[in-house]
Each structure stands twice: as structure tokens, then as C-alpha cells.
Full PDB file with SEQRES, HELIX, SHEET, SSBOND, CRYST1, ORIGX, SCALE, CONECT and MASTER records, all heavy atoms in Angstrom:
SEQRES   1 A   39  LEU LEU HIS PHE MET VAL GLN GLN ILE HIS CYS VAL ARG          
SEQRES   2 A   39  LYS LYS VAL ASP SER SER ASP GLU LYS GLN HIS GLY GLY          
SEQRES   3 A   39  ASP GLU LYS GLU GLU GLY ASP ASP GLY SER SER SER GLY          
HELIX    1 AA1 SER A   18  HIS A   24  1                                   7    
CRYST1    1.000    1.000    1.000  90.00  90.00  90.00 P 1           1          
ORIGX1      1.000000  0.000000  0.000000        0.00000                         
ORIGX2      0.000000  1.000000  0.000000        0.00000                         
ORIGX3      0.000000  0.000000  1.000000        0.00000                         
SCALE1      1.000000  0.000000  0.000000        0.00000                         
SCALE2      0.000000  1.000000  0.000000        0.00000                         
SCALE3      0.000000  0.000000  1.000000        0.00000                         
ATOM      1  N   LEU A   1       6.384  16.686 -34.396  1.00  0.00           N  
ATOM      2  CA  LEU A   1       6.971  15.697 -33.500  1.00  0.00           C  
ATOM      3  C   LEU A   1       7.652  16.425 -32.341  1.00  0.00           C  
ATOM      4  O   LEU A   1       8.576  17.223 -32.568  1.00  0.00           O  
ATOM      5  CB  LEU A   1       7.994  14.839 -34.250  1.00  0.00           C  
ATOM      6  CG  LEU A   1       7.456  13.897 -35.335  1.00  0.00           C  
ATOM      7  CD1 LEU A   1       8.606  13.183 -36.027  1.00  0.00           C  
ATOM      8  CD2 LEU A   1       6.504  12.900 -34.753  1.00  0.00           C  
ATOM      9  N   LEU A   2       7.207  16.117 -31.125  1.00  0.00           N  
ATOM     10  CA  LEU A   2       7.760  16.788 -29.940  1.00  0.00           C  
ATOM     11  C   LEU A   2       8.408  15.760 -29.011  1.00  0.00           C  
ATOM     12  O   LEU A   2       7.765  14.766 -28.643  1.00  0.00           O  
ATOM     13  CB  LEU A   2       6.642  17.517 -29.204  1.00  0.00           C  
ATOM     14  CG  LEU A   2       7.059  18.280 -27.936  1.00  0.00           C  
ATOM     15  CD1 LEU A   2       7.887  19.521 -28.303  1.00  0.00           C  
ATOM     16  CD2 LEU A   2       5.832  18.679 -27.115  1.00  0.00           C  
ATOM     17  N   HIS A   3       9.665  16.006 -28.675  1.00  0.00           N  
ATOM     18  CA  HIS A   3      10.351  15.178 -27.686  1.00  0.00           C  
ATOM     19  C   HIS A   3      10.436  15.934 -26.369  1.00  0.00           C  
ATOM     20  O   HIS A   3      10.658  17.147 -26.359  1.00  0.00           O  
ATOM     21  CB  HIS A   3      11.765  14.810 -28.155  1.00  0.00           C  
ATOM     22  CG  HIS A   3      12.570  14.157 -27.072  1.00  0.00           C  
ATOM     23  ND1 HIS A   3      13.449  14.854 -26.271  1.00  0.00           N  
ATOM     24  CD2 HIS A   3      12.617  12.863 -26.644  1.00  0.00           C  
ATOM     25  CE1 HIS A   3      14.017  14.023 -25.411  1.00  0.00           C  
ATOM     26  NE2 HIS A   3      13.531  12.819 -25.624  1.00  0.00           N  
ATOM     27  N   PHE A   4      10.257  15.217 -25.249  1.00  0.00           N  
ATOM     28  CA  PHE A   4      10.369  15.847 -23.951  1.00  0.00           C  
ATOM     29  C   PHE A   4      10.752  14.818 -22.903  1.00  0.00           C  
ATOM     30  O   PHE A   4      10.611  13.609 -23.112  1.00  0.00           O  
ATOM     31  CB  PHE A   4       9.075  16.565 -23.552  1.00  0.00           C  
ATOM     32  CG  PHE A   4       7.872  15.647 -23.466  1.00  0.00           C  
ATOM     33  CD1 PHE A   4       7.445  15.130 -22.241  1.00  0.00           C  
ATOM     34  CD2 PHE A   4       7.147  15.324 -24.605  1.00  0.00           C  
ATOM     35  CE1 PHE A   4       6.350  14.287 -22.170  1.00  0.00           C  
ATOM     36  CE2 PHE A   4       6.055  14.471 -24.546  1.00  0.00           C  
ATOM     37  CZ  PHE A   4       5.650  13.964 -23.327  1.00  0.00           C  
ATOM     38  N   MET A   5      11.269  15.297 -21.778  1.00  0.00           N  
ATOM     39  CA  MET A   5      11.629  14.450 -20.667  1.00  0.00           C  
ATOM     40  C   MET A   5      10.685  14.710 -19.496  1.00  0.00           C  
ATOM     41  O   MET A   5      10.274  15.860 -19.273  1.00  0.00           O  
ATOM     42  CB  MET A   5      13.074  14.727 -20.225  1.00  0.00           C  
ATOM     43  CG  MET A   5      14.124  14.640 -21.309  1.00  0.00           C  
ATOM     44  SD  MET A   5      14.411  12.968 -21.912  1.00  0.00           S  
ATOM     45  CE  MET A   5      15.259  12.256 -20.494  1.00  0.00           C  
ATOM     46  N   VAL A   6      10.336  13.639 -18.792  1.00  0.00           N  
ATOM     47  CA  VAL A   6       9.463  13.779 -17.616  1.00  0.00           C  
ATOM     48  C   VAL A   6      10.204  13.183 -16.409  1.00  0.00           C  
ATOM     49  O   VAL A   6      10.634  12.025 -16.431  1.00  0.00           O  
ATOM     50  CB  VAL A   6       8.133  13.019 -17.809  1.00  0.00           C  
ATOM     51  CG1 VAL A   6       7.246  13.186 -16.577  1.00  0.00           C  
ATOM     52  CG2 VAL A   6       7.399  13.550 -19.045  1.00  0.00           C  
ATOM     53  N   GLN A   7      10.356  14.007 -15.391  1.00  0.00           N  
ATOM     54  CA  GLN A   7      10.977  13.528 -14.150  1.00  0.00           C  
ATOM     55  C   GLN A   7       9.898  12.828 -13.334  1.00  0.00           C  
ATOM     56  O   GLN A   7       8.921  13.444 -12.918  1.00  0.00           O  
ATOM     57  CB  GLN A   7      11.551  14.719 -13.374  1.00  0.00           C  
ATOM     58  CG  GLN A   7      12.374  14.327 -12.168  1.00  0.00           C  
ATOM     59  CD  GLN A   7      12.926  15.544 -11.448  1.00  0.00           C  
ATOM     60  OE1 GLN A   7      13.138  16.589 -12.060  1.00  0.00           O  
ATOM     61  NE2 GLN A   7      13.147  15.414 -10.147  1.00  0.00           N  
ATOM     62  N   GLN A   8      10.074  11.517 -13.159  1.00  0.00           N  
ATOM     63  CA  GLN A   8       9.050  10.691 -12.511  1.00  0.00           C  
ATOM     64  C   GLN A   8       9.692   9.812 -11.427  1.00  0.00           C  
ATOM     65  O   GLN A   8      10.900   9.540 -11.452  1.00  0.00           O  
ATOM     66  CB  GLN A   8       8.358   9.782 -13.511  1.00  0.00           C  
ATOM     67  CG  GLN A   8       7.571  10.480 -14.588  1.00  0.00           C  
ATOM     68  CD  GLN A   8       7.043   9.536 -15.628  1.00  0.00           C  
ATOM     69  OE1 GLN A   8       7.270   9.722 -16.821  1.00  0.00           O  
ATOM     70  NE2 GLN A   8       6.342   8.488 -15.200  1.00  0.00           N  
ATOM     71  N   ILE A   9       8.848   9.336 -10.501  1.00  0.00           N  
ATOM     72  CA  ILE A   9       9.268   8.367  -9.508  1.00  0.00           C  
ATOM     73  C   ILE A   9       8.965   6.989 -10.061  1.00  0.00           C  
ATOM     74  O   ILE A   9       7.800   6.665 -10.348  1.00  0.00           O  
ATOM     75  CB  ILE A   9       8.536   8.586  -8.171  1.00  0.00           C  
ATOM     76  CG1 ILE A   9       8.846   9.983  -7.628  1.00  0.00           C  
ATOM     77  CG2 ILE A   9       8.939   7.516  -7.169  1.00  0.00           C  
ATOM     78  CD1 ILE A   9       8.057  10.344  -6.380  1.00  0.00           C  
ATOM     79  N   HIS A  10      10.004   6.185 -10.218  1.00  0.00           N  
ATOM     80  CA  HIS A  10       9.830   4.834 -10.752  1.00  0.00           C  
ATOM     81  C   HIS A  10       9.487   3.904  -9.598  1.00  0.00           C  
ATOM     82  O   HIS A  10      10.356   3.327  -8.938  1.00  0.00           O  
ATOM     83  CB  HIS A  10      11.080   4.347 -11.459  1.00  0.00           C  
ATOM     84  CG  HIS A  10      10.981   2.966 -12.000  1.00  0.00           C  
ATOM     85  ND1 HIS A  10      10.059   2.611 -12.967  1.00  0.00           N  
ATOM     86  CD2 HIS A  10      11.678   1.839 -11.721  1.00  0.00           C  
ATOM     87  CE1 HIS A  10      10.186   1.336 -13.247  1.00  0.00           C  
ATOM     88  NE2 HIS A  10      11.154   0.837 -12.487  1.00  0.00           N  
ATOM     89  N   CYS A  11       8.207   3.779  -9.328  1.00  0.00           N  
ATOM     90  CA  CYS A  11       7.726   2.968  -8.212  1.00  0.00           C  
ATOM     91  C   CYS A  11       6.403   2.324  -8.615  1.00  0.00           C  
ATOM     92  O   CYS A  11       5.403   2.999  -8.783  1.00  0.00           O  
ATOM     93  CB  CYS A  11       7.553   3.825  -6.964  1.00  0.00           C  
ATOM     94  SG  CYS A  11       7.055   2.884  -5.508  1.00  0.00           S  
ATOM     95  N   VAL A  12       6.442   1.025  -8.820  1.00  0.00           N  
ATOM     96  CA  VAL A  12       5.245   0.277  -9.228  1.00  0.00           C  
ATOM     97  C   VAL A  12       4.791  -0.571  -8.057  1.00  0.00           C  
ATOM     98  O   VAL A  12       5.589  -1.328  -7.463  1.00  0.00           O  
ATOM     99  CB  VAL A  12       5.529  -0.635 -10.443  1.00  0.00           C  
ATOM    100  CG1 VAL A  12       4.266  -1.383 -10.863  1.00  0.00           C  
ATOM    101  CG2 VAL A  12       6.059   0.193 -11.606  1.00  0.00           C  
ATOM    102  N   ARG A  13       3.534  -0.437  -7.684  1.00  0.00           N  
ATOM    103  CA  ARG A  13       2.978  -1.166  -6.548  1.00  0.00           C  
ATOM    104  C   ARG A  13       1.914  -2.165  -6.963  1.00  0.00           C  
ATOM    105  O   ARG A  13       1.190  -1.942  -7.933  1.00  0.00           O  
ATOM    106  CB  ARG A  13       2.372  -0.177  -5.530  1.00  0.00           C  
ATOM    107  CG  ARG A  13       3.369   0.735  -4.863  1.00  0.00           C  
ATOM    108  CD  ARG A  13       2.688   1.659  -3.885  1.00  0.00           C  
ATOM    109  NE  ARG A  13       3.631   2.558  -3.224  1.00  0.00           N  
ATOM    110  CZ  ARG A  13       4.296   2.260  -2.127  1.00  0.00           C  
ATOM    111  NH1 ARG A  13       4.096   1.091  -1.543  1.00  0.00           N  
ATOM    112  NH2 ARG A  13       5.137   3.123  -1.585  1.00  0.00           N  
ATOM    113  N   LYS A  14       1.843  -3.246  -6.221  1.00  0.00           N  
ATOM    114  CA  LYS A  14       0.739  -4.202  -6.371  1.00  0.00           C  
ATOM    115  C   LYS A  14      -0.441  -3.643  -5.641  1.00  0.00           C  
ATOM    116  O   LYS A  14      -0.365  -3.278  -4.465  1.00  0.00           O  
ATOM    117  CB  LYS A  14       1.138  -5.557  -5.761  1.00  0.00           C  
ATOM    118  CG  LYS A  14       0.213  -6.701  -6.117  1.00  0.00           C  
ATOM    119  CD  LYS A  14       0.436  -7.171  -7.533  1.00  0.00           C  
ATOM    120  CE  LYS A  14      -0.369  -8.456  -7.816  1.00  0.00           C  
ATOM    121  NZ  LYS A  14      -0.175  -8.908  -9.216  1.00  0.00           N  
ATOM    122  N   LYS A  15      -1.554  -3.511  -6.337  1.00  0.00           N  
ATOM    123  CA  LYS A  15      -2.728  -2.914  -5.730  1.00  0.00           C  
ATOM    124  C   LYS A  15      -3.222  -3.738  -4.534  1.00  0.00           C  
ATOM    125  O   LYS A  15      -3.180  -4.954  -4.557  1.00  0.00           O  
ATOM    126  CB  LYS A  15      -3.860  -2.786  -6.762  1.00  0.00           C  
ATOM    127  CG  LYS A  15      -3.615  -1.714  -7.802  1.00  0.00           C  
ATOM    128  CD  LYS A  15      -4.836  -1.584  -8.716  1.00  0.00           C  
ATOM    129  CE  LYS A  15      -4.642  -0.481  -9.730  1.00  0.00           C  
ATOM    130  NZ  LYS A  15      -5.799  -0.360 -10.651  1.00  0.00           N  
ATOM    131  N   VAL A  16      -3.729  -3.024  -3.541  1.00  0.00           N  
ATOM    132  CA  VAL A  16      -4.286  -3.685  -2.375  1.00  0.00           C  
ATOM    133  C   VAL A  16      -5.600  -4.314  -2.785  1.00  0.00           C  
ATOM    134  O   VAL A  16      -6.456  -3.675  -3.408  1.00  0.00           O  
ATOM    135  CB  VAL A  16      -4.520  -2.678  -1.226  1.00  0.00           C  
ATOM    136  CG1 VAL A  16      -5.193  -3.369  -0.046  1.00  0.00           C  
ATOM    137  CG2 VAL A  16      -3.222  -2.055  -0.796  1.00  0.00           C  
ATOM    138  N   ASP A  17      -5.777  -5.586  -2.478  1.00  0.00           N  
ATOM    139  CA  ASP A  17      -6.997  -6.313  -2.826  1.00  0.00           C  
ATOM    140  C   ASP A  17      -8.094  -5.923  -1.842  1.00  0.00           C  
ATOM    141  O   ASP A  17      -8.006  -6.180  -0.650  1.00  0.00           O  
ATOM    142  CB  ASP A  17      -6.755  -7.831  -2.757  1.00  0.00           C  
ATOM    143  CG  ASP A  17      -7.907  -8.623  -3.372  1.00  0.00           C  
ATOM    144  OD1 ASP A  17      -9.030  -8.114  -3.346  1.00  0.00           O  
ATOM    145  OD2 ASP A  17      -7.654  -9.746  -3.854  1.00  0.00           O  
ATOM    146  N   SER A  18      -9.126  -5.277  -2.344  1.00  0.00           N  
ATOM    147  CA  SER A  18     -10.213  -4.814  -1.483  1.00  0.00           C  
ATOM    148  C   SER A  18     -10.906  -5.955  -0.770  1.00  0.00           C  
ATOM    149  O   SER A  18     -11.405  -5.818   0.337  1.00  0.00           O  
ATOM    150  CB  SER A  18     -11.225  -3.996  -2.279  1.00  0.00           C  
ATOM    151  OG  SER A  18     -11.773  -4.768  -3.327  1.00  0.00           O  
ATOM    152  N   SER A  19     -10.945  -7.127  -1.408  1.00  0.00           N  
ATOM    153  CA  SER A  19     -11.601  -8.274  -0.771  1.00  0.00           C  
ATOM    154  C   SER A  19     -10.835  -8.733   0.452  1.00  0.00           C  
ATOM    155  O   SER A  19     -11.403  -9.128   1.458  1.00  0.00           O  
ATOM    156  CB  SER A  19     -11.718  -9.446  -1.777  1.00  0.00           C  
ATOM    157  OG  SER A  19     -10.436  -9.879  -2.199  1.00  0.00           O  
ATOM    158  N   ASP A  20      -9.480  -8.631   0.378  1.00  0.00           N  
ATOM    159  CA  ASP A  20      -8.661  -8.990   1.530  1.00  0.00           C  
ATOM    160  C   ASP A  20      -8.883  -7.995   2.659  1.00  0.00           C  
ATOM    161  O   ASP A  20      -8.913  -8.343   3.824  1.00  0.00           O  
ATOM    162  CB  ASP A  20      -7.187  -8.997   1.156  1.00  0.00           C  
ATOM    163  CG  ASP A  20      -6.825 -10.189   0.256  1.00  0.00           C  
ATOM    164  OD1 ASP A  20      -7.637 -11.127   0.230  1.00  0.00           O  
ATOM    165  OD2 ASP A  20      -5.769 -10.143  -0.385  1.00  0.00           O  
ATOM    166  N   GLU A  21      -9.016  -6.691   2.262  1.00  0.00           N  
ATOM    167  CA  GLU A  21      -9.242  -5.667   3.269  1.00  0.00           C  
ATOM    168  C   GLU A  21     -10.528  -5.921   4.013  1.00  0.00           C  
ATOM    169  O   GLU A  21     -10.606  -5.815   5.234  1.00  0.00           O  
ATOM    170  CB  GLU A  21      -9.273  -4.294   2.605  1.00  0.00           C  
ATOM    171  CG  GLU A  21      -7.915  -3.796   2.147  1.00  0.00           C  
ATOM    172  CD  GLU A  21      -8.015  -2.419   1.555  1.00  0.00           C  
ATOM    173  OE1 GLU A  21      -9.121  -2.077   1.056  1.00  0.00           O  
ATOM    174  OE2 GLU A  21      -7.022  -1.679   1.564  1.00  0.00           O  
ATOM    175  N   LYS A  22     -11.583  -6.286   3.266  1.00  0.00           N  
ATOM    176  CA  LYS A  22     -12.882  -6.546   3.883  1.00  0.00           C  
ATOM    177  C   LYS A  22     -12.823  -7.776   4.773  1.00  0.00           C  
ATOM    178  O   LYS A  22     -13.413  -7.849   5.835  1.00  0.00           O  
ATOM    179  CB  LYS A  22     -13.946  -6.722   2.802  1.00  0.00           C  
ATOM    180  CG  LYS A  22     -14.272  -5.439   2.055  1.00  0.00           C  
ATOM    181  CD  LYS A  22     -15.311  -5.684   0.980  1.00  0.00           C  
ATOM    182  CE  LYS A  22     -15.621  -4.401   0.209  1.00  0.00           C  
ATOM    183  NZ  LYS A  22     -16.627  -4.628  -0.863  1.00  0.00           N  
ATOM    184  N   GLN A  23     -12.089  -8.810   4.298  1.00  0.00           N  
ATOM    185  CA  GLN A  23     -12.009 -10.058   5.034  1.00  0.00           C  
ATOM    186  C   GLN A  23     -11.327  -9.871   6.388  1.00  0.00           C  
ATOM    187  O   GLN A  23     -11.708 -10.446   7.385  1.00  0.00           O  
ATOM    188  CB  GLN A  23     -11.237 -11.095   4.206  1.00  0.00           C  
ATOM    189  CG  GLN A  23     -11.116 -12.449   4.899  1.00  0.00           C  
ATOM    190  CD  GLN A  23     -10.376 -13.433   4.018  1.00  0.00           C  
ATOM    191  OE1 GLN A  23     -10.143 -13.188   2.840  1.00  0.00           O  
ATOM    192  NE2 GLN A  23     -10.038 -14.585   4.590  1.00  0.00           N  
ATOM    193  N   HIS A  24     -10.292  -9.010   6.402  1.00  0.00           N  
ATOM    194  CA  HIS A  24      -9.527  -8.802   7.621  1.00  0.00           C  
ATOM    195  C   HIS A  24      -9.888  -7.510   8.327  1.00  0.00           C  
ATOM    196  O   HIS A  24      -9.271  -7.172   9.338  1.00  0.00           O  
ATOM    197  CB  HIS A  24      -8.023  -8.803   7.315  1.00  0.00           C  
ATOM    198  CG  HIS A  24      -7.557 -10.071   6.669  1.00  0.00           C  
ATOM    199  ND1 HIS A  24      -7.549 -11.280   7.332  1.00  0.00           N  
ATOM    200  CD2 HIS A  24      -7.092 -10.334   5.402  1.00  0.00           C  
ATOM    201  CE1 HIS A  24      -7.084 -12.245   6.531  1.00  0.00           C  
ATOM    202  NE2 HIS A  24      -6.813 -11.684   5.347  1.00  0.00           N  
ATOM    203  N   GLY A  25     -10.861  -6.817   7.786  1.00  0.00           N  
ATOM    204  CA  GLY A  25     -11.183  -5.488   8.315  1.00  0.00           C  
ATOM    205  C   GLY A  25     -11.670  -5.524   9.750  1.00  0.00           C  
ATOM    206  O   GLY A  25     -11.437  -4.608  10.536  1.00  0.00           O  
ATOM    207  N   GLY A  26     -12.365  -6.627  10.142  1.00  0.00           N  
ATOM    208  CA  GLY A  26     -12.904  -6.688  11.495  1.00  0.00           C  
ATOM    209  C   GLY A  26     -11.934  -7.261  12.494  1.00  0.00           C  
ATOM    210  O   GLY A  26     -12.219  -7.292  13.701  1.00  0.00           O  
ATOM    211  N   ASP A  27     -10.811  -7.769  12.032  1.00  0.00           N  
ATOM    212  CA  ASP A  27      -9.835  -8.378  12.940  1.00  0.00           C  
ATOM    213  C   ASP A  27      -9.143  -7.320  13.762  1.00  0.00           C  
ATOM    214  O   ASP A  27      -8.683  -6.310  13.217  1.00  0.00           O  
ATOM    215  CB  ASP A  27      -8.791  -9.175  12.156  1.00  0.00           C  
ATOM    216  CG  ASP A  27      -9.425 -10.346  11.407  1.00  0.00           C  
ATOM    217  OD1 ASP A  27     -10.569 -10.699  11.758  1.00  0.00           O  
ATOM    218  OD2 ASP A  27      -8.760 -10.859  10.475  1.00  0.00           O  
ATOM    219  N   GLU A  28      -9.019  -7.551  15.033  1.00  0.00           N  
ATOM    220  CA  GLU A  28      -8.304  -6.620  15.883  1.00  0.00           C  
ATOM    221  C   GLU A  28      -6.823  -6.953  15.832  1.00  0.00           C  
ATOM    222  O   GLU A  28      -6.409  -8.097  15.880  1.00  0.00           O  
ATOM    223  CB  GLU A  28      -8.791  -6.720  17.329  1.00  0.00           C  
ATOM    224  CG  GLU A  28     -10.224  -6.225  17.502  1.00  0.00           C  
ATOM    225  CD  GLU A  28     -10.618  -6.230  18.963  1.00  0.00           C  
ATOM    226  OE1 GLU A  28      -9.776  -6.568  19.797  1.00  0.00           O  
ATOM    227  OE2 GLU A  28     -11.765  -5.891  19.264  1.00  0.00           O  
ATOM    228  N   LYS A  29      -5.983  -5.927  15.705  1.00  0.00           N  
ATOM    229  CA  LYS A  29      -4.550  -6.132  15.624  1.00  0.00           C  
ATOM    230  C   LYS A  29      -3.877  -5.287  16.707  1.00  0.00           C  
ATOM    231  O   LYS A  29      -4.241  -4.146  16.948  1.00  0.00           O  
ATOM    232  CB  LYS A  29      -4.014  -5.686  14.244  1.00  0.00           C  
ATOM    233  CG  LYS A  29      -4.621  -6.474  13.095  1.00  0.00           C  
ATOM    234  CD  LYS A  29      -4.058  -5.965  11.785  1.00  0.00           C  
ATOM    235  CE  LYS A  29      -4.674  -6.704  10.587  1.00  0.00           C  
ATOM    236  NZ  LYS A  29      -4.156  -6.224   9.303  1.00  0.00           N  
ATOM    237  N   GLU A  30      -2.884  -5.908  17.322  1.00  0.00           N  
ATOM    238  CA  GLU A  30      -2.120  -5.187  18.305  1.00  0.00           C  
ATOM    239  C   GLU A  30      -1.069  -4.338  17.590  1.00  0.00           C  
ATOM    240  O   GLU A  30      -0.405  -4.820  16.682  1.00  0.00           O  
ATOM    241  CB  GLU A  30      -1.413  -6.153  19.266  1.00  0.00           C  
ATOM    242  CG  GLU A  30      -2.403  -6.966  20.094  1.00  0.00           C  
ATOM    243  CD  GLU A  30      -1.675  -7.873  21.058  1.00  0.00           C  
ATOM    244  OE1 GLU A  30      -0.422  -7.727  21.147  1.00  0.00           O  
ATOM    245  OE2 GLU A  30      -2.312  -8.709  21.696  1.00  0.00           O  
ATOM    246  N   GLU A  31      -0.944  -3.117  18.014  1.00  0.00           N  
ATOM    247  CA  GLU A  31       0.015  -2.219  17.400  1.00  0.00           C  
ATOM    248  C   GLU A  31       1.267  -2.127  18.246  1.00  0.00           C  
ATOM    249  O   GLU A  31       1.199  -2.019  19.471  1.00  0.00           O  
ATOM    250  CB  GLU A  31      -0.576  -0.826  17.214  1.00  0.00           C  
ATOM    251  CG  GLU A  31      -1.660  -0.788  16.144  1.00  0.00           C  
ATOM    252  CD  GLU A  31      -2.063   0.636  15.804  1.00  0.00           C  
ATOM    253  OE1 GLU A  31      -1.564   1.543  16.495  1.00  0.00           O  
ATOM    254  OE2 GLU A  31      -2.841   0.846  14.877  1.00  0.00           O  
ATOM    255  N   GLY A  32       2.405  -2.119  17.595  1.00  0.00           N  
ATOM    256  CA  GLY A  32       3.668  -1.951  18.289  1.00  0.00           C  
ATOM    257  C   GLY A  32       3.942  -0.474  18.521  1.00  0.00           C  
ATOM    258  O   GLY A  32       3.146   0.393  18.141  1.00  0.00           O  
ATOM    259  N   ASP A  33       5.065  -0.207  19.148  1.00  0.00           N  
ATOM    260  CA  ASP A  33       5.419   1.186  19.436  1.00  0.00           C  
ATOM    261  C   ASP A  33       5.612   1.998  18.176  1.00  0.00           C  
ATOM    262  O   ASP A  33       5.452   3.227  18.175  1.00  0.00           O  
ATOM    263  CB  ASP A  33       6.704   1.234  20.277  1.00  0.00           C  
ATOM    264  CG  ASP A  33       6.483   0.637  21.652  1.00  0.00           C  
ATOM    265  OD1 ASP A  33       5.319   0.603  22.097  1.00  0.00           O  
ATOM    266  OD2 ASP A  33       7.476   0.190  22.273  1.00  0.00           O  
ATOM    267  N   ASP A  34       5.972   1.335  17.049  1.00  0.00           N  
ATOM    268  CA  ASP A  34       6.231   2.059  15.799  1.00  0.00           C  
ATOM    269  C   ASP A  34       4.981   2.207  14.945  1.00  0.00           C  
ATOM    270  O   ASP A  34       5.032   2.707  13.828  1.00  0.00           O  
ATOM    271  CB  ASP A  34       7.326   1.370  14.981  1.00  0.00           C  
ATOM    272  CG  ASP A  34       6.936  -0.063  14.621  1.00  0.00           C  
ATOM    273  OD1 ASP A  34       5.861  -0.523  15.107  1.00  0.00           O  
ATOM    274  OD2 ASP A  34       7.694  -0.707  13.858  1.00  0.00           O  
ATOM    275  N   GLY A  35       3.829   1.744  15.464  1.00  0.00           N  
ATOM    276  CA  GLY A  35       2.587   1.888  14.727  1.00  0.00           C  
ATOM    277  C   GLY A  35       2.302   0.725  13.814  1.00  0.00           C  
ATOM    278  O   GLY A  35       1.241   0.677  13.178  1.00  0.00           O  
ATOM    279  N   SER A  36       3.227  -0.257  13.713  1.00  0.00           N  
ATOM    280  CA  SER A  36       2.987  -1.410  12.859  1.00  0.00           C  
ATOM    281  C   SER A  36       2.121  -2.401  13.569  1.00  0.00           C  
ATOM    282  O   SER A  36       2.066  -2.452  14.810  1.00  0.00           O  
ATOM    283  CB  SER A  36       4.335  -2.039  12.461  1.00  0.00           C  
ATOM    284  OG  SER A  36       4.984  -2.483  13.615  1.00  0.00           O  
ATOM    285  N   SER A  37       1.443  -3.242  12.783  1.00  0.00           N  
ATOM    286  CA  SER A  37       0.556  -4.233  13.360  1.00  0.00           C  
ATOM    287  C   SER A  37       1.324  -5.503  13.634  1.00  0.00           C  
ATOM    288  O   SER A  37       2.086  -5.956  12.790  1.00  0.00           O  
ATOM    289  CB  SER A  37      -0.612  -4.529  12.393  1.00  0.00           C  
ATOM    290  OG  SER A  37      -1.338  -3.354  12.127  1.00  0.00           O  
ATOM    291  N   SER A  38       1.076  -6.092  14.805  1.00  0.00           N  
ATOM    292  CA  SER A  38       1.727  -7.350  15.116  1.00  0.00           C  
ATOM    293  C   SER A  38       1.146  -8.442  14.202  1.00  0.00           C  
ATOM    294  O   SER A  38      -0.028  -8.424  13.862  1.00  0.00           O  
ATOM    295  CB  SER A  38       1.505  -7.715  16.580  1.00  0.00           C  
ATOM    296  OG  SER A  38       0.121  -7.851  16.876  1.00  0.00           O  
ATOM    297  N   GLY A  39       1.945  -9.398  13.823  1.00  0.00           N  
ATOM    298  CA  GLY A  39       1.495 -10.448  12.941  1.00  0.00           C  
ATOM    299  C   GLY A  39       1.610 -10.084  11.487  1.00  0.00           C  
ATOM    300  O   GLY A  39       1.227 -10.846  10.615  1.00  0.00           O  
TER     301      GLY A  39                                                      
MASTER        0    0    0    1    0    0    0    6  300    1    0    3          
END                                                                             
């Protein structure tokens, strides 16, 4: 029996839906000065 500690980043993300990416992939988006997409 081995006990150990693991230093990890506790960050759980909702996966990006590939179907949504494809659906909006052709849409043109205006980018702001910070690189974010308008809308």
C-alpha cells in the first residue's frame, strides 16, 4: 500500500462542442483591440 501526494491544478472545463465550432466556423467576427471577438 503506497500513499502519495500529487500537486495538481484544480480546473475542470466544459469541453468545446465541435458541432458548435463547425456551425460558427464560417462566421466572420470582428476582433477588438484585446484580441477578443465582438459578440
